[in-house]
Structure formats: structure tokens, C-alpha cells
Amino acid sequence: MLSKHYRYTPVFPHEHEFFEILCLYDGTAHTAIQRIEHTLHTGDICIIPPHTTHSVGIFDDSVAFNILGHAAAFSQK
């Protein structure tokens, strides 16, 4: 699934059953992955594996996209 990341939403730690690929199209985003903080910039891509605690904050006109996929989509059989 591909979706635009919401801006101006509260930052909250969470995790998923699937991979999340965060792509910064323009601007910056602040992330915390396993409580380690990062700042992403235009052109950066962040791959977050399933069951990994993370949060994302965008509080300006930056544009980011999420690509969400089940682990099975990334395995070879």
C-alpha cells in the first residue's frame, strides 16, 4: 500500500505487523526507531521492519510517503 504520510499529527510510538518504507519526497521528518532519534531529509528512505517500535513527526510542509508491505512480499520462495 502506498500513502502520503499525515502532517501535524501527534507523535506516538507504535509498531506494525508489516514493513514500513518511509520516503522523504521534500523537506524533513523526525523519527525515533527503537528510541534512537533520526532526522530524515529530502531523498532519504527509511526501512522499518515488522515489530519495531517507531514514531514519525512532520510539522511543516514536508512531504513523505509510506509504502507498507507484508513480510511475505519481501521473502523469496
Protein backbone atom coordinates (compact mmCIF):
# COMPACT_ATOMS: atom_id res chain seq x y z
CA MET A 1 0.00 0.00 0.00
CA LEU A 2 1.25 3.49 -0.84
CA SER A 3 0.03 6.52 1.09
CA LYS A 4 1.06 10.08 1.84
CA HIS A 5 2.18 10.47 5.45
CA TYR A 6 -0.04 12.75 7.53
CA ARG A 7 1.47 16.02 8.74
CA TYR A 8 0.77 17.78 12.02
CA THR A 9 -0.37 14.61 13.79
CA PRO A 10 0.73 13.75 17.33
CA VAL A 11 3.94 11.72 17.53
CA PHE A 12 3.35 8.37 19.21
CA PRO A 13 5.48 5.22 19.40
CA HIS A 14 3.89 2.26 17.65
CA GLU A 15 4.72 -0.88 15.70
CA HIS A 16 3.21 -2.92 12.87
CA GLU A 17 2.97 -6.48 11.61
CA PHE A 18 4.41 -5.32 8.27
CA PHE A 19 7.35 -3.45 6.74
CA GLU A 20 7.09 0.33 6.53
CA ILE A 21 9.23 2.16 4.00
CA LEU A 22 9.24 5.90 4.66
CA CYS A 23 10.33 8.03 1.69
CA LEU A 24 11.04 11.75 2.16
CA TYR A 25 9.98 13.45 -1.08
CA ASP A 26 10.61 17.00 0.17
CA GLY A 27 11.67 18.55 3.47
CA THR A 28 12.46 16.82 6.75
CA ALA A 29 10.89 14.34 9.13
CA HIS A 30 11.89 13.43 12.65
CA THR A 31 11.82 9.76 13.56
CA ALA A 32 12.60 7.63 16.57
CA ILE A 33 13.32 3.96 15.90
CA GLN A 34 13.82 1.78 18.98
CA ARG A 35 14.19 5.10 20.90
CA ILE A 36 17.08 6.29 18.68
CA GLU A 37 16.27 9.64 17.08
CA HIS A 38 16.96 10.43 13.43
CA THR A 39 16.26 13.34 11.11
CA LEU A 40 15.39 12.40 7.54
CA HIS A 41 15.93 14.83 4.66
CA THR A 42 14.74 15.12 1.05
CA GLY A 43 15.58 11.91 -0.82
CA ASP A 44 16.09 9.78 2.29
CA ILE A 45 14.45 6.38 2.60
CA CYS A 46 13.96 4.58 5.91
CA ILE A 47 13.00 0.88 6.04
CA ILE A 48 11.35 -0.15 9.29
CA PRO A 49 10.95 -3.91 9.79
CA PRO A 50 7.90 -5.55 11.39
CA HIS A 51 7.58 -5.39 15.19
CA THR A 52 9.94 -2.40 15.51
CA THR A 53 8.84 0.42 17.79
CA HIS A 54 8.99 3.73 15.93
CA SER A 55 7.43 7.18 15.58
CA VAL A 56 7.42 9.82 12.86
CA GLY A 57 6.81 13.54 13.18
CA ILE A 58 6.26 16.03 10.35
CA PHE A 59 5.24 19.52 11.49
CA ASP A 60 5.74 21.70 8.39
CA ASP A 61 5.05 21.48 4.66
CA SER A 62 7.39 18.49 4.17
CA VAL A 63 6.09 15.63 2.04
CA ALA A 64 6.66 11.97 2.90
CA PHE A 65 5.21 8.74 1.55
CA ASN A 66 4.74 5.39 3.28
CA ILE A 67 4.98 2.10 1.46
CA LEU A 68 3.53 -0.69 3.59
CA GLY A 69 4.07 -4.34 2.79
CA HIS A 70 3.69 -7.71 4.45
CA ALA A 71 6.90 -9.58 5.22
CA ALA A 72 5.88 -12.31 2.77
CA ALA A 73 6.19 -9.79 -0.09
CA PHE A 74 9.89 -9.45 0.72
CA SER A 75 10.75 -13.15 1.02
CA GLN A 76 11.81 -15.45 -1.77
CA LYS A 77 10.30 -18.91 -2.02
